[in-house]
Amino acid sequence: MIVCSCHVLSDHDVRSAVHAAEDLPRNAKQIYGCLGCSAECGRCARTLKSIIDEALGACAKACCAGCPHSQAGAEPHVHAEFALAVS
């Protein structure tokens, strides 16, 4: 299903980006960074957050000390396979 009409992102795109990212994205801004785009209208932010939380499972909340996913302040990593051509 398309969750972001501005960039034509599907729920599958979001889940794939969450699982492929080295530093797990936890919000819409971070997922946009992983996908090589940025927010436009913002109508999808809540839906993106829900999909991210679902994809992260137990790591949806702040990871505990020692968790390999806990890297506060890290910049989002852009994966070429998810980068979108943004005009």
Protein backbone atom coordinates (compact mmCIF):
# COMPACT_ATOMS: atom_id res chain seq x y z
CA MET A 1 0.00 0.00 0.00
CA ILE A 2 1.26 3.51 -0.78
CA VAL A 3 1.83 5.41 2.48
CA CYS A 4 3.54 8.53 1.10
CA SER A 5 1.94 9.92 -2.04
CA CYS A 6 4.53 12.70 -2.37
CA HIS A 7 7.36 10.20 -2.91
CA VAL A 8 5.23 7.15 -3.80
CA LEU A 9 6.60 5.11 -0.89
CA SER A 10 4.92 1.87 0.03
CA ASP A 11 4.73 0.18 3.41
CA HIS A 12 7.08 -2.45 1.96
CA ASP A 13 9.65 0.27 1.10
CA VAL A 14 9.52 1.54 4.68
CA ARG A 15 9.86 -1.94 6.24
CA SER A 16 12.73 -2.82 3.90
CA ALA A 17 14.55 0.40 4.78
CA VAL A 18 14.12 -0.25 8.51
CA HIS A 19 15.59 -3.74 8.20
CA ALA A 20 18.43 -2.67 5.88
CA ALA A 21 19.57 0.37 7.90
CA GLU A 22 22.64 0.03 10.09
CA ASP A 23 21.24 2.53 12.61
CA LEU A 24 17.58 1.68 13.03
CA PRO A 25 15.37 4.61 12.01
CA ARG A 26 12.81 5.49 14.69
CA ASN A 27 10.89 8.37 13.08
CA ALA A 28 9.69 9.70 9.72
CA LYS A 29 12.65 12.06 9.27
CA GLN A 30 15.13 9.21 9.72
CA ILE A 31 13.25 6.88 7.35
CA TYR A 32 13.18 9.63 4.71
CA GLY A 33 16.96 9.93 5.11
CA CYS A 34 17.36 6.17 4.62
CA LEU A 35 15.26 6.38 1.47
CA GLY A 36 17.13 9.40 0.09
CA CYS A 37 14.29 11.91 0.24
CA SER A 38 12.75 14.40 2.66
CA ALA A 39 9.30 15.20 3.99
CA GLU A 40 6.98 17.18 1.76
CA CYS A 41 3.45 17.59 3.12
CA GLY A 42 3.85 15.47 6.28
CA ARG A 43 0.48 13.70 6.05
CA CYS A 44 2.21 10.31 6.15
CA ALA A 45 4.31 10.91 9.29
CA ARG A 46 1.96 9.09 11.70
CA THR A 47 1.54 6.15 9.35
CA LEU A 48 5.31 5.94 8.81
CA LYS A 49 5.87 5.96 12.58
CA SER A 50 3.36 3.13 13.03
CA ILE A 51 5.04 1.03 10.33
CA ILE A 52 8.50 1.74 11.77
CA ASP A 53 7.38 0.74 15.29
CA GLU A 54 5.81 -2.44 13.93
CA ALA A 55 8.93 -3.31 11.91
CA LEU A 56 11.25 -2.66 14.87
CA GLY A 57 9.22 -4.87 17.20
CA ALA A 58 10.88 -4.96 20.63
CA CYS A 59 13.41 -2.32 19.56
CA ALA A 60 10.64 0.23 18.84
CA LYS A 61 11.26 1.81 22.21
CA ALA A 62 14.72 3.06 23.13
CA CYS A 63 17.06 0.09 23.19
CA CYS A 64 18.61 -0.92 26.46
CA ALA A 65 22.30 -0.41 27.20
CA GLY A 66 24.44 -2.84 25.28
CA CYS A 67 21.94 -3.30 22.45
CA PRO A 68 23.74 -3.07 19.07
CA HIS A 69 20.96 -0.78 17.82
CA SER A 70 21.53 1.85 20.51
CA GLN A 71 23.60 4.56 18.83
CA ALA A 72 22.25 7.95 19.84
CA GLY A 73 23.08 10.90 17.64
CA ALA A 74 24.13 8.86 14.62
CA GLU A 75 23.38 10.28 11.19
CA PRO A 76 20.99 8.23 9.04
CA HIS A 77 22.72 6.09 6.43
CA VAL A 78 21.46 6.29 2.84
CA HIS A 79 21.41 2.96 1.03
CA ALA A 80 21.78 3.29 -2.73
CA GLU A 81 19.18 0.59 -3.37
CA PHE A 82 16.55 2.69 -1.55
CA ALA A 83 17.58 6.13 -2.79
CA LEU A 84 14.87 7.91 -4.75
CA ALA A 85 15.34 10.36 -7.55
CA VAL A 86 13.97 13.55 -6.08
CA SER A 87 13.38 16.45 -8.42
